[in-house]
């Protein structure tokens, strides 16, 4: 954990940027960054905190059992299990999960689909796809209040090529090999969702 403070500063900066965009309404959302591979340790947002405020205990260091390493009086985000599964099954170093109007409405407009595709939009390059008319597909899974059930629904999609999963009427989870890349991917996906919603309003976006 030699780079602990570097990782801490990185994820705090991402939290500040996303908070400034009002992407943490009602204490929603959760963020994490991997600190150590073996044994697995990662910093994850503390449960129930107002993420528009910036304090020393915004994040907890947790282990592979989703338990706080240093302060057992505080609880990590209930969805820490999803972050842990991503770290255990991918090369990701950062996981971001936000609830926005766009990423909720987009699943409402496609209620019977298990994925959503976009192609030919310049912002897709931010996701690492540089081919002309490149296409990106995001899985959509059912929402479950019971987090272990949600994790079981989520797990089969972790090794996809998209680095993202939409949860119906809930939000999006993205992951990447750095905090910078994860934030960039999240921004690109949110752009695509807003693009689609405006297209639907103007009857110019074709549902896939």
N, C-alpha and C. Protein backbone atom coordinates (compact mmCIF):
# COMPACT_ATOMS: atom_id res chain seq x y z
N UNK A 1 0.83 -1.20 0.00
CA UNK A 1 0.00 0.00 0.00
C UNK A 1 0.87 1.26 0.00
N UNK A 2 2.00 1.18 -0.72
CA UNK A 2 2.95 2.29 -0.72
C UNK A 2 2.36 3.56 -1.35
N UNK A 3 1.38 3.40 -2.24
CA UNK A 3 0.80 4.56 -2.91
C UNK A 3 -0.56 4.94 -2.32
N UNK A 4 -0.78 4.60 -1.06
CA UNK A 4 -2.08 4.82 -0.43
C UNK A 4 -2.56 6.26 -0.59
N UNK A 5 -1.71 7.22 -0.24
CA UNK A 5 -2.15 8.62 -0.26
C UNK A 5 -2.34 9.13 -1.68
N UNK A 6 -1.58 8.60 -2.62
CA UNK A 6 -1.78 8.95 -4.03
C UNK A 6 -3.17 8.50 -4.49
N UNK A 7 -3.53 7.26 -4.15
CA UNK A 7 -4.85 6.76 -4.53
C UNK A 7 -5.96 7.53 -3.81
N UNK A 8 -5.72 7.84 -2.55
CA UNK A 8 -6.71 8.59 -1.77
C UNK A 8 -6.98 9.95 -2.40
N UNK A 9 -5.91 10.64 -2.79
CA UNK A 9 -6.08 11.95 -3.42
C UNK A 9 -6.79 11.84 -4.76
N UNK A 10 -6.49 10.79 -5.52
CA UNK A 10 -7.12 10.60 -6.83
C UNK A 10 -8.63 10.42 -6.71
N UNK A 11 -9.05 9.56 -5.81
CA UNK A 11 -10.48 9.27 -5.71
C UNK A 11 -11.23 10.44 -5.07
N UNK A 12 -10.58 11.16 -4.17
CA UNK A 12 -11.21 12.36 -3.60
C UNK A 12 -11.43 13.42 -4.67
N UNK A 13 -10.46 13.56 -5.57
CA UNK A 13 -10.60 14.54 -6.64
C UNK A 13 -11.74 14.16 -7.58
N UNK A 14 -11.86 12.88 -7.90
CA UNK A 14 -12.97 12.42 -8.74
C UNK A 14 -14.30 12.70 -8.05
N UNK A 15 -14.38 12.42 -6.76
CA UNK A 15 -15.61 12.68 -6.00
C UNK A 15 -15.99 14.15 -6.07
N UNK A 16 -15.01 15.03 -5.93
CA UNK A 16 -15.28 16.46 -5.97
C UNK A 16 -15.83 16.88 -7.33
N UNK A 17 -15.22 16.38 -8.40
CA UNK A 17 -15.67 16.73 -9.75
C UNK A 17 -17.11 16.27 -9.98
N UNK A 18 -17.41 15.03 -9.59
CA UNK A 18 -18.75 14.49 -9.81
C UNK A 18 -19.78 15.17 -8.91
N UNK A 19 -19.36 15.51 -7.68
CA UNK A 19 -20.27 16.23 -6.77
C UNK A 19 -20.63 17.59 -7.34
N UNK A 20 -19.66 18.26 -7.96
CA UNK A 20 -19.92 19.57 -8.56
C UNK A 20 -20.93 19.49 -9.70
N UNK A 21 -21.12 18.29 -10.24
CA UNK A 21 -22.12 18.09 -11.31
C UNK A 21 -23.47 17.63 -10.77
N UNK A 22 -23.60 17.58 -9.45
CA UNK A 22 -24.84 17.12 -8.81
C UNK A 22 -25.17 15.68 -9.17
N UNK A 23 -24.16 14.84 -9.19
CA UNK A 23 -24.36 13.42 -9.50
C UNK A 23 -24.47 12.56 -8.24
N UNK A 24 -24.57 13.20 -7.06
CA UNK A 24 -24.68 12.45 -5.80
C UNK A 24 -25.89 12.90 -5.00
N UNK A 25 -26.99 13.16 -5.65
CA UNK A 25 -28.18 13.63 -4.94
C UNK A 25 -28.66 12.60 -3.93
N UNK A 26 -29.08 13.09 -2.76
CA UNK A 26 -29.63 12.21 -1.73
C UNK A 26 -28.65 11.20 -1.19
N UNK A 27 -27.38 11.52 -1.17
CA UNK A 27 -26.26 10.65 -0.74
C UNK A 27 -26.09 9.43 -1.65
N UNK A 28 -26.72 9.45 -2.83
CA UNK A 28 -26.62 8.30 -3.74
C UNK A 28 -25.23 8.17 -4.33
N UNK A 29 -24.97 7.02 -4.92
CA UNK A 29 -23.71 6.77 -5.60
C UNK A 29 -22.63 6.23 -4.69
N UNK A 30 -21.61 5.65 -5.29
CA UNK A 30 -20.45 5.16 -4.53
C UNK A 30 -19.25 5.06 -5.45
N UNK A 31 -18.08 5.29 -4.87
CA UNK A 31 -16.82 5.33 -5.61
C UNK A 31 -15.80 4.49 -4.88
N UNK A 32 -14.86 3.94 -5.63
CA UNK A 32 -13.77 3.22 -4.98
C UNK A 32 -12.53 3.23 -5.85
N UNK A 33 -11.40 2.95 -5.21
CA UNK A 33 -10.13 2.83 -5.91
C UNK A 33 -9.32 1.73 -5.23
N UNK A 34 -8.71 0.88 -6.04
CA UNK A 34 -7.93 -0.22 -5.48
C UNK A 34 -6.61 0.32 -4.92
N UNK A 35 -6.26 -0.15 -3.73
CA UNK A 35 -5.04 0.28 -3.06
C UNK A 35 -4.00 -0.82 -3.06
N UNK A 36 -4.46 -2.06 -2.94
CA UNK A 36 -3.53 -3.20 -2.87
C UNK A 36 -4.16 -4.42 -3.55
N UNK A 37 -3.32 -5.17 -4.26
CA UNK A 37 -3.80 -6.34 -5.01
C UNK A 37 -3.91 -7.57 -4.13
N UNK A 38 -2.86 -7.86 -3.36
CA UNK A 38 -2.82 -9.09 -2.57
C UNK A 38 -2.18 -8.82 -1.22
N UNK A 39 -2.95 -8.82 -0.14
CA UNK A 39 -4.40 -9.04 -0.13
C UNK A 39 -5.15 -7.84 -0.70
N UNK A 40 -6.35 -8.09 -1.18
CA UNK A 40 -7.14 -7.02 -1.79
C UNK A 40 -7.57 -6.01 -0.74
N UNK A 41 -7.24 -4.75 -1.00
CA UNK A 41 -7.74 -3.63 -0.21
C UNK A 41 -8.15 -2.52 -1.16
N UNK A 42 -9.25 -1.87 -0.86
CA UNK A 42 -9.65 -0.73 -1.69
C UNK A 42 -10.35 0.31 -0.83
N UNK A 43 -10.22 1.55 -1.24
CA UNK A 43 -10.92 2.66 -0.61
C UNK A 43 -12.29 2.79 -1.25
N UNK A 44 -13.33 2.85 -0.42
CA UNK A 44 -14.69 2.97 -0.95
C UNK A 44 -15.45 3.99 -0.10
N UNK A 45 -16.41 4.65 -0.70
CA UNK A 45 -17.16 5.68 0.01
C UNK A 45 -17.87 5.11 1.25
N UNK A 46 -17.87 5.92 2.29
CA UNK A 46 -18.54 5.56 3.54
C UNK A 46 -20.05 5.64 3.36
N UNK A 47 -20.78 4.69 3.90
CA UNK A 47 -22.23 4.62 3.74
C UNK A 47 -22.93 5.83 4.36
N UNK A 48 -23.91 6.37 3.62
CA UNK A 48 -24.78 7.41 4.15
C UNK A 48 -24.21 8.80 4.23
N UNK A 49 -23.01 9.01 3.72
CA UNK A 49 -22.39 10.34 3.80
C UNK A 49 -22.90 11.24 2.67
N UNK A 50 -22.98 12.52 2.98
CA UNK A 50 -23.30 13.52 1.96
C UNK A 50 -22.05 13.73 1.11
N UNK A 51 -22.08 13.27 -0.13
CA UNK A 51 -20.89 13.30 -0.96
C UNK A 51 -20.60 14.67 -1.56
N UNK A 52 -21.47 15.64 -1.30
CA UNK A 52 -21.16 17.00 -1.71
C UNK A 52 -20.27 17.69 -0.68
N UNK A 53 -20.16 17.09 0.50
CA UNK A 53 -19.25 17.57 1.54
C UNK A 53 -17.94 16.78 1.44
N UNK A 54 -16.84 17.40 1.80
CA UNK A 54 -15.54 16.75 1.66
C UNK A 54 -14.85 16.72 3.03
N UNK A 55 -14.81 15.53 3.62
CA UNK A 55 -14.25 15.35 4.96
C UNK A 55 -13.22 14.23 4.95
N UNK A 56 -12.48 14.09 6.05
CA UNK A 56 -11.41 13.11 6.12
C UNK A 56 -11.92 11.67 6.09
N UNK A 57 -13.19 11.46 6.48
CA UNK A 57 -13.71 10.09 6.53
C UNK A 57 -14.72 9.80 5.41
N UNK A 58 -14.53 10.46 4.27
CA UNK A 58 -15.38 10.19 3.11
C UNK A 58 -15.21 8.77 2.60
N UNK A 59 -14.00 8.21 2.81
CA UNK A 59 -13.68 6.87 2.30
C UNK A 59 -13.19 5.97 3.42
N UNK A 60 -13.50 4.69 3.29
CA UNK A 60 -13.00 3.68 4.21
C UNK A 60 -12.12 2.70 3.45
N UNK A 61 -11.07 2.24 4.09
CA UNK A 61 -10.26 1.16 3.53
C UNK A 61 -10.92 -0.16 3.91
N UNK A 62 -11.27 -0.98 2.91
CA UNK A 62 -11.93 -2.25 3.18
C UNK A 62 -11.11 -3.40 2.61
N UNK A 63 -11.41 -4.60 3.10
CA UNK A 63 -10.68 -5.79 2.67
C UNK A 63 -11.52 -6.63 1.71
N UNK A 64 -11.05 -7.83 1.42
CA UNK A 64 -11.73 -8.71 0.46
C UNK A 64 -13.06 -9.25 0.99
N UNK A 65 -13.36 -8.98 2.26
CA UNK A 65 -14.64 -9.39 2.84
C UNK A 65 -15.58 -8.19 2.99
N UNK A 66 -15.22 -7.07 2.35
CA UNK A 66 -16.02 -5.84 2.39
C UNK A 66 -16.12 -5.26 3.80
N UNK A 67 -15.10 -5.51 4.61
CA UNK A 67 -15.07 -5.03 5.99
C UNK A 67 -14.07 -3.88 6.12
N UNK A 68 -14.43 -2.89 6.93
CA UNK A 68 -13.53 -1.78 7.18
C UNK A 68 -12.28 -2.26 7.91
N UNK A 69 -11.12 -1.85 7.43
CA UNK A 69 -9.86 -2.31 8.00
C UNK A 69 -9.51 -1.55 9.27
N UNK A 70 -9.75 -0.24 9.28
CA UNK A 70 -9.27 0.58 10.38
C UNK A 70 -10.36 1.10 11.32
N UNK A 71 -11.56 1.29 10.83
CA UNK A 71 -12.61 1.90 11.65
C UNK A 71 -13.89 1.09 11.52
N UNK A 72 -14.09 0.16 12.44
CA UNK A 72 -15.25 -0.72 12.38
C UNK A 72 -16.54 -0.02 12.80
N UNK A 73 -16.44 1.21 13.31
CA UNK A 73 -17.64 1.94 13.71
C UNK A 73 -18.38 2.52 12.50
N UNK A 74 -17.70 2.58 11.36
CA UNK A 74 -18.31 3.10 10.14
C UNK A 74 -18.48 1.97 9.13
N UNK A 75 -19.50 2.11 8.29
CA UNK A 75 -19.79 1.06 7.31
C UNK A 75 -19.48 1.55 5.89
N UNK A 76 -18.91 0.68 5.08
CA UNK A 76 -18.72 1.03 3.66
C UNK A 76 -20.05 1.03 2.93
N UNK A 77 -20.08 1.61 1.78
CA UNK A 77 -21.28 1.57 0.94
C UNK A 77 -21.82 0.16 0.84
N UNK A 78 -23.14 0.03 0.84
CA UNK A 78 -23.76 -1.29 0.76
C UNK A 78 -23.37 -2.01 -0.53
N UNK A 79 -23.03 -1.26 -1.56
CA UNK A 79 -22.68 -1.85 -2.85
C UNK A 79 -21.18 -2.11 -2.99
N UNK A 80 -20.46 -2.07 -1.88
CA UNK A 80 -19.02 -2.38 -1.91
C UNK A 80 -18.77 -3.76 -2.50
N UNK A 81 -19.74 -4.67 -2.33
CA UNK A 81 -19.59 -6.02 -2.87
C UNK A 81 -19.42 -5.99 -4.39
N UNK A 82 -20.12 -5.09 -5.08
CA UNK A 82 -19.98 -4.99 -6.53
C UNK A 82 -18.58 -4.52 -6.91
N UNK A 83 -18.07 -3.55 -6.16
CA UNK A 83 -16.71 -3.05 -6.40
C UNK A 83 -15.70 -4.18 -6.20
N UNK A 84 -15.88 -4.92 -5.12
CA UNK A 84 -14.95 -6.02 -4.82
C UNK A 84 -14.96 -7.07 -5.93
N UNK A 85 -16.15 -7.43 -6.41
CA UNK A 85 -16.24 -8.42 -7.49
C UNK A 85 -15.52 -7.94 -8.74
N UNK A 86 -15.67 -6.66 -9.05
CA UNK A 86 -14.98 -6.11 -10.22
C UNK A 86 -13.47 -6.20 -10.04
N UNK A 87 -12.96 -5.85 -8.86
CA UNK A 87 -11.52 -5.93 -8.62
C UNK A 87 -11.01 -7.36 -8.66
N UNK A 88 -11.83 -8.30 -8.23
CA UNK A 88 -11.41 -9.70 -8.21
C UNK A 88 -11.42 -10.35 -9.59
N UNK A 89 -12.21 -9.81 -10.51
CA UNK A 89 -12.38 -10.47 -11.81
C UNK A 89 -11.84 -9.67 -12.99
N UNK A 90 -11.33 -8.47 -12.75
CA UNK A 90 -10.81 -7.64 -13.85
C UNK A 90 -9.51 -6.98 -13.42
N UNK A 91 -8.92 -6.22 -14.33
CA UNK A 91 -7.72 -5.44 -14.02
C UNK A 91 -8.06 -4.02 -13.58
N UNK A 92 -9.31 -3.77 -13.27
CA UNK A 92 -9.75 -2.43 -12.90
C UNK A 92 -9.04 -1.93 -11.65
N UNK A 93 -8.81 -0.63 -11.63
CA UNK A 93 -8.23 0.02 -10.46
C UNK A 93 -9.19 1.02 -9.83
N UNK A 94 -10.28 1.34 -10.54
CA UNK A 94 -11.24 2.32 -10.03
C UNK A 94 -12.64 1.95 -10.51
N UNK A 95 -13.62 2.10 -9.61
CA UNK A 95 -15.03 1.81 -9.91
C UNK A 95 -15.88 3.02 -9.50
N UNK A 96 -16.76 3.45 -10.39
CA UNK A 96 -17.64 4.59 -10.12
C UNK A 96 -19.09 4.20 -10.37
N UNK A 97 -19.96 4.59 -9.46
CA UNK A 97 -21.39 4.29 -9.61
C UNK A 97 -22.18 5.55 -9.27
N UNK A 98 -22.99 6.02 -10.23
CA UNK A 98 -23.79 7.22 -9.99
C UNK A 98 -25.23 7.01 -10.45
N UNK A 99 -26.13 7.76 -9.80
CA UNK A 99 -27.54 7.79 -10.18
C UNK A 99 -27.80 9.17 -10.78
N UNK A 100 -28.16 9.23 -12.04
CA UNK A 100 -28.53 10.50 -12.65
C UNK A 100 -29.89 10.35 -13.31
N UNK A 101 -30.52 11.48 -13.59
CA UNK A 101 -31.80 11.43 -14.31
C UNK A 101 -31.63 10.73 -15.65
N UNK A 102 -30.53 11.04 -16.34
CA UNK A 102 -30.32 10.47 -17.67
C UNK A 102 -30.17 8.95 -17.62
N UNK A 103 -29.34 8.45 -16.68
CA UNK A 103 -29.12 7.00 -16.69
C UNK A 103 -30.28 6.22 -16.06
N UNK A 104 -31.19 6.92 -15.40
CA UNK A 104 -32.43 6.27 -14.95
C UNK A 104 -33.49 6.29 -16.06
N UNK A 105 -33.68 7.45 -16.68
CA UNK A 105 -34.70 7.55 -17.73
C UNK A 105 -34.37 6.69 -18.94
N UNK A 106 -33.08 6.51 -19.24
CA UNK A 106 -32.72 5.73 -20.41
C UNK A 106 -33.16 4.27 -20.26
N UNK A 107 -33.12 3.75 -19.03
CA UNK A 107 -33.60 2.37 -18.84
C UNK A 107 -35.12 2.32 -18.81
N UNK A 108 -35.74 3.41 -18.41
CA UNK A 108 -37.21 3.47 -18.41
C UNK A 108 -37.74 3.50 -19.84
N UNK A 109 -37.00 4.14 -20.73
CA UNK A 109 -37.42 4.22 -22.13
C UNK A 109 -37.16 2.93 -22.90
N UNK A 110 -36.32 2.06 -22.32
CA UNK A 110 -36.02 0.76 -22.95
C UNK A 110 -36.31 -0.35 -21.94
N UNK A 111 -37.56 -0.47 -21.48
CA UNK A 111 -37.87 -1.34 -20.33
C UNK A 111 -37.74 -2.83 -20.61
N UNK A 112 -37.79 -3.24 -21.87
CA UNK A 112 -37.78 -4.67 -22.16
C UNK A 112 -36.47 -5.12 -22.81
N UNK A 113 -35.46 -4.29 -22.75
CA UNK A 113 -34.19 -4.63 -23.37
C UNK A 113 -33.16 -4.98 -22.30
N UNK A 114 -32.23 -5.85 -22.67
CA UNK A 114 -31.15 -6.20 -21.75
C UNK A 114 -29.83 -5.58 -22.17
N UNK A 115 -29.89 -4.68 -23.15
CA UNK A 115 -28.70 -3.93 -23.53
C UNK A 115 -29.11 -2.70 -24.33
N UNK A 116 -28.17 -1.78 -24.47
CA UNK A 116 -28.41 -0.54 -25.20
C UNK A 116 -27.17 -0.26 -26.04
N UNK A 117 -27.36 0.03 -27.33
CA UNK A 117 -26.22 0.22 -28.23
C UNK A 117 -26.22 1.63 -28.83
N UNK A 118 -25.01 2.13 -29.06
CA UNK A 118 -24.80 3.42 -29.72
C UNK A 118 -23.73 3.23 -30.78
N UNK A 119 -23.83 3.96 -31.88
CA UNK A 119 -22.80 3.89 -32.90
C UNK A 119 -22.70 5.22 -33.63
N UNK A 120 -21.51 5.46 -34.21
CA UNK A 120 -21.31 6.63 -35.05
C UNK A 120 -21.31 7.96 -34.33
N UNK A 121 -21.11 7.95 -33.02
CA UNK A 121 -21.10 9.18 -32.22
C UNK A 121 -19.67 9.43 -31.76
N UNK A 122 -19.17 10.63 -31.98
CA UNK A 122 -17.76 10.93 -31.75
C UNK A 122 -17.30 10.62 -30.33
N UNK A 123 -18.16 10.84 -29.34
CA UNK A 123 -17.76 10.65 -27.94
C UNK A 123 -17.39 9.20 -27.65
N UNK A 124 -17.78 8.27 -28.50
CA UNK A 124 -17.44 6.86 -28.29
C UNK A 124 -15.93 6.66 -28.28
N UNK A 125 -15.19 7.57 -28.94
CA UNK A 125 -13.72 7.49 -28.92
C UNK A 125 -13.18 7.56 -27.49
N UNK A 126 -13.90 8.25 -26.61
CA UNK A 126 -13.46 8.34 -25.21
C UNK A 126 -13.47 6.98 -24.53
N UNK A 127 -14.19 6.01 -25.12
CA UNK A 127 -14.26 4.65 -24.57
C UNK A 127 -13.23 3.74 -25.22
N UNK A 128 -12.33 4.32 -26.01
CA UNK A 128 -11.24 3.56 -26.61
C UNK A 128 -11.57 2.93 -27.95
N UNK A 129 -12.70 3.29 -28.55
CA UNK A 129 -13.10 2.74 -29.85
C UNK A 129 -12.93 3.83 -30.91
N UNK A 130 -11.93 3.68 -31.76
CA UNK A 130 -11.58 4.73 -32.71
C UNK A 130 -12.02 4.43 -34.14
N UNK A 131 -12.61 3.26 -34.37
CA UNK A 131 -13.04 2.93 -35.72
C UNK A 131 -14.21 3.82 -36.15
N UNK A 132 -14.26 4.10 -37.45
CA UNK A 132 -15.39 4.86 -37.97
C UNK A 132 -16.67 4.04 -37.77
N UNK A 133 -17.72 4.69 -37.33
CA UNK A 133 -18.99 4.03 -37.03
C UNK A 133 -18.85 2.96 -35.94
N UNK A 134 -17.90 3.17 -35.02
CA UNK A 134 -17.72 2.23 -33.90
C UNK A 134 -19.01 2.13 -33.09
N UNK A 135 -19.25 0.95 -32.55
CA UNK A 135 -20.47 0.71 -31.76
C UNK A 135 -20.10 0.27 -30.35
N UNK A 136 -20.82 0.79 -29.39
CA UNK A 136 -20.65 0.38 -27.99
C UNK A 136 -21.99 -0.14 -27.48
N UNK A 137 -21.95 -1.23 -26.73
CA UNK A 137 -23.16 -1.83 -26.17
C UNK A 137 -23.03 -1.93 -24.66
N UNK A 138 -24.04 -1.47 -23.95
CA UNK A 138 -24.04 -1.49 -22.48
C UNK A 138 -25.12 -2.45 -22.00
N UNK A 139 -24.77 -3.43 -21.16
CA UNK A 139 -25.79 -4.33 -20.61
C UNK A 139 -26.72 -3.58 -19.65
N UNK A 140 -27.98 -3.99 -19.63
CA UNK A 140 -28.95 -3.47 -18.66
C UNK A 140 -29.43 -4.65 -17.83
N UNK A 141 -29.30 -4.55 -16.51
CA UNK A 141 -29.75 -5.63 -15.63
C UNK A 141 -30.88 -5.14 -14.73
N UNK A 142 -31.60 -6.09 -14.16
CA UNK A 142 -32.68 -5.76 -13.23
C UNK A 142 -32.11 -5.21 -11.93
N UNK A 143 -32.88 -4.34 -11.31
CA UNK A 143 -32.50 -3.81 -10.00
C UNK A 143 -33.05 -4.73 -8.90
N UNK A 144 -32.27 -4.90 -7.86
CA UNK A 144 -32.70 -5.70 -6.70
C UNK A 144 -32.30 -4.96 -5.43
N UNK A 145 -33.23 -4.78 -4.51
CA UNK A 145 -32.91 -4.15 -3.23
C UNK A 145 -31.98 -5.02 -2.41
N UNK A 146 -32.08 -6.34 -2.58
CA UNK A 146 -31.21 -7.28 -1.87
C UNK A 146 -29.87 -7.32 -2.60
N UNK A 147 -28.83 -6.75 -1.97
CA UNK A 147 -27.55 -6.54 -2.66
C UNK A 147 -26.91 -7.84 -3.13
N UNK A 148 -26.90 -8.93 -2.34
CA UNK A 148 -26.34 -10.18 -2.87
C UNK A 148 -27.04 -10.66 -4.14
N UNK A 149 -28.35 -10.47 -4.22
CA UNK A 149 -29.08 -10.83 -5.44
C UNK A 149 -28.66 -9.94 -6.60
N UNK A 150 -28.51 -8.64 -6.32
CA UNK A 150 -28.02 -7.71 -7.33
C UNK A 150 -26.63 -8.12 -7.81
N UNK A 151 -25.79 -8.53 -6.87
CA UNK A 151 -24.43 -8.96 -7.22
C UNK A 151 -24.45 -10.17 -8.14
N UNK A 152 -25.35 -11.11 -7.89
CA UNK A 152 -25.47 -12.29 -8.75
C UNK A 152 -25.93 -11.91 -10.15
N UNK A 153 -26.80 -10.91 -10.24
CA UNK A 153 -27.27 -10.43 -11.54
C UNK A 153 -26.14 -9.69 -12.27
N UNK A 154 -25.30 -9.02 -11.50
CA UNK A 154 -24.23 -8.18 -12.02
C UNK A 154 -23.03 -9.01 -12.51
N UNK A 155 -22.71 -10.06 -11.78
CA UNK A 155 -21.47 -10.82 -11.98
C UNK A 155 -21.24 -11.29 -13.41
N UNK A 156 -22.22 -11.85 -14.12
CA UNK A 156 -21.96 -12.35 -15.47
C UNK A 156 -21.51 -11.28 -16.46
N UNK A 157 -21.71 -10.01 -16.12
CA UNK A 157 -21.38 -8.93 -17.04
C UNK A 157 -20.04 -8.27 -16.74
N UNK A 158 -19.36 -8.72 -15.71
CA UNK A 158 -18.13 -8.06 -15.30
C UNK A 158 -17.03 -8.20 -16.34
N UNK A 159 -16.96 -9.33 -17.00
CA UNK A 159 -15.89 -9.55 -17.97
C UNK A 159 -16.28 -9.15 -19.38
N UNK A 160 -17.28 -8.28 -19.51
CA UNK A 160 -17.61 -7.80 -20.85
C UNK A 160 -16.58 -6.76 -21.31
N UNK A 161 -16.69 -6.34 -22.56
CA UNK A 161 -15.72 -5.40 -23.12
C UNK A 161 -16.11 -3.95 -22.89
N UNK A 162 -17.21 -3.74 -22.18
CA UNK A 162 -17.76 -2.40 -22.10
C UNK A 162 -17.27 -1.62 -20.87
N UNK A 163 -16.90 -2.35 -19.81
CA UNK A 163 -16.50 -1.68 -18.58
C UNK A 163 -17.63 -0.89 -17.96
N UNK A 164 -18.86 -1.34 -18.21
CA UNK A 164 -20.01 -0.61 -17.67
C UNK A 164 -21.23 -1.52 -17.63
N UNK A 165 -22.08 -1.29 -16.63
CA UNK A 165 -23.37 -1.97 -16.53
C UNK A 165 -24.41 -0.96 -16.07
N UNK A 166 -25.53 -0.94 -16.76
CA UNK A 166 -26.68 -0.13 -16.34
C UNK A 166 -27.60 -0.98 -15.50
N UNK A 167 -28.07 -0.43 -14.38
CA UNK A 167 -29.04 -1.11 -13.53
C UNK A 167 -30.37 -0.39 -13.69
N UNK A 168 -31.40 -1.14 -14.04
CA UNK A 168 -32.70 -0.56 -14.39
C UNK A 168 -33.25 0.32 -13.26
N UNK A 169 -33.61 1.55 -13.63
CA UNK A 169 -34.16 2.52 -12.67
C UNK A 169 -33.27 2.70 -11.44
N UNK A 170 -31.98 2.61 -11.63
CA UNK A 170 -31.05 2.68 -10.50
C UNK A 170 -29.85 3.56 -10.85
N UNK A 171 -29.00 3.12 -11.78
CA UNK A 171 -27.83 3.91 -12.12
C UNK A 171 -26.86 3.12 -12.97
N UNK A 172 -25.68 3.68 -13.16
CA UNK A 172 -24.64 3.03 -13.95
C UNK A 172 -23.41 2.79 -13.09
N UNK A 173 -22.75 1.66 -13.33
CA UNK A 173 -21.46 1.35 -12.72
C UNK A 173 -20.44 1.23 -13.84
N UNK A 174 -19.33 1.95 -13.71
CA UNK A 174 -18.24 1.86 -14.70
C UNK A 174 -16.95 1.53 -13.97
N UNK A 175 -16.03 0.91 -14.70
CA UNK A 175 -14.72 0.60 -14.11
C UNK A 175 -13.64 0.71 -15.18
N UNK A 176 -12.42 1.01 -14.73
CA UNK A 176 -11.30 1.16 -15.65
C UNK A 176 -10.00 1.00 -14.88
N UNK A 177 -8.89 1.08 -15.61
CA UNK A 177 -7.58 0.81 -15.01
C UNK A 177 -6.96 2.02 -14.33
N UNK A 178 -7.69 3.12 -14.26
CA UNK A 178 -7.24 4.29 -13.49
C UNK A 178 -8.46 5.14 -13.16
N UNK A 179 -8.30 6.01 -12.18
CA UNK A 179 -9.39 6.91 -11.82
C UNK A 179 -9.71 7.85 -12.98
N UNK A 180 -8.67 8.32 -13.67
CA UNK A 180 -8.86 9.21 -14.82
C UNK A 180 -9.69 8.53 -15.89
N UNK A 181 -9.34 7.28 -16.24
CA UNK A 181 -10.06 6.56 -17.28
C UNK A 181 -11.50 6.26 -16.87
N UNK A 182 -11.70 5.89 -15.61
CA UNK A 182 -13.06 5.60 -15.15
C UNK A 182 -13.94 6.85 -15.23
N UNK A 183 -13.40 7.99 -14.83
CA UNK A 183 -14.17 9.24 -14.91
C UNK A 183 -14.47 9.59 -16.37
N UNK A 184 -13.47 9.42 -17.23
CA UNK A 184 -13.67 9.71 -18.65
C UNK A 184 -14.76 8.83 -19.25
N UNK A 185 -14.75 7.54 -18.89
CA UNK A 185 -15.76 6.63 -19.40
C UNK A 185 -17.16 7.00 -18.88
N UNK A 186 -17.23 7.33 -17.61
CA UNK A 186 -18.51 7.73 -17.03
C UNK A 186 -19.07 8.95 -17.75
N UNK A 187 -18.22 9.93 -17.99
CA UNK A 187 -18.65 11.14 -18.69
C UNK A 187 -19.15 10.81 -20.10
N UNK A 188 -18.46 9.90 -20.78
CA UNK A 188 -18.86 9.52 -22.14
C UNK A 188 -20.22 8.83 -22.13
N UNK A 189 -20.41 7.90 -21.20
CA UNK A 189 -21.69 7.21 -21.12
C UNK A 189 -22.83 8.17 -20.80
N UNK A 190 -22.60 9.09 -19.88
CA UNK A 190 -23.65 10.04 -19.53
C UNK A 190 -23.98 10.94 -20.72
N UNK A 191 -22.97 11.30 -21.51
CA UNK A 191 -23.22 12.06 -22.74
C UNK A 191 -24.12 11.26 -23.68
N UNK A 192 -23.81 9.97 -23.85
CA UNK A 192 -24.60 9.12 -24.75
C UNK A 192 -26.05 9.00 -24.28
N UNK A 193 -26.25 8.88 -22.97
CA UNK A 193 -27.61 8.76 -22.45
C UNK A 193 -28.40 10.05 -22.70
N UNK A 194 -27.76 11.19 -22.47
CA UNK A 194 -28.43 12.47 -22.71
C UNK A 194 -28.71 12.66 -24.20
N UNK A 195 -27.77 12.23 -25.03
CA UNK A 195 -27.94 12.29 -26.48
C UNK A 195 -29.18 11.48 -26.90
N UNK A 196 -29.28 10.27 -26.38
CA UNK A 196 -30.41 9.40 -26.72
C UNK A 196 -31.73 9.98 -26.24
N UNK A 197 -31.74 10.50 -25.02
CA UNK A 197 -32.99 11.04 -24.47
C UNK A 197 -33.47 12.25 -25.27
N UNK A 198 -32.54 13.11 -25.66
CA UNK A 198 -32.94 14.25 -26.48
C UNK A 198 -33.42 13.80 -27.85
N UNK A 199 -32.79 12.74 -28.38
CA UNK A 199 -33.23 12.19 -29.66
C UNK A 199 -34.62 11.61 -29.58
N UNK A 200 -34.92 10.93 -28.46
CA UNK A 200 -36.25 10.36 -28.27
C UNK A 200 -37.30 11.47 -28.22
N UNK A 201 -36.96 12.55 -27.52
CA UNK A 201 -37.89 13.68 -27.42
C UNK A 201 -38.19 14.27 -28.80
N UNK A 202 -37.16 14.24 -29.67
CA UNK A 202 -37.33 14.82 -31.01
C UNK A 202 -37.64 13.77 -32.07
N UNK A 203 -37.84 12.51 -31.60
CA UNK A 203 -38.14 11.39 -32.51
C UNK A 203 -37.06 11.16 -33.55
N UNK A 204 -35.79 11.37 -33.13
CA UNK A 204 -34.68 11.15 -34.06
C UNK A 204 -33.77 10.03 -33.61
N UNK A 205 -34.02 9.47 -32.41
CA UNK A 205 -33.18 8.37 -31.92
C UNK A 205 -33.92 7.07 -32.12
N UNK A 206 -33.31 6.13 -32.84
CA UNK A 206 -33.93 4.84 -33.11
C UNK A 206 -33.59 3.88 -32.00
N UNK A 207 -34.60 3.31 -31.34
CA UNK A 207 -34.38 2.34 -30.29
C UNK A 207 -33.81 1.06 -30.89
N UNK A 208 -32.75 0.55 -30.24
CA UNK A 208 -32.11 -0.67 -30.74
C UNK A 208 -32.84 -1.90 -30.22
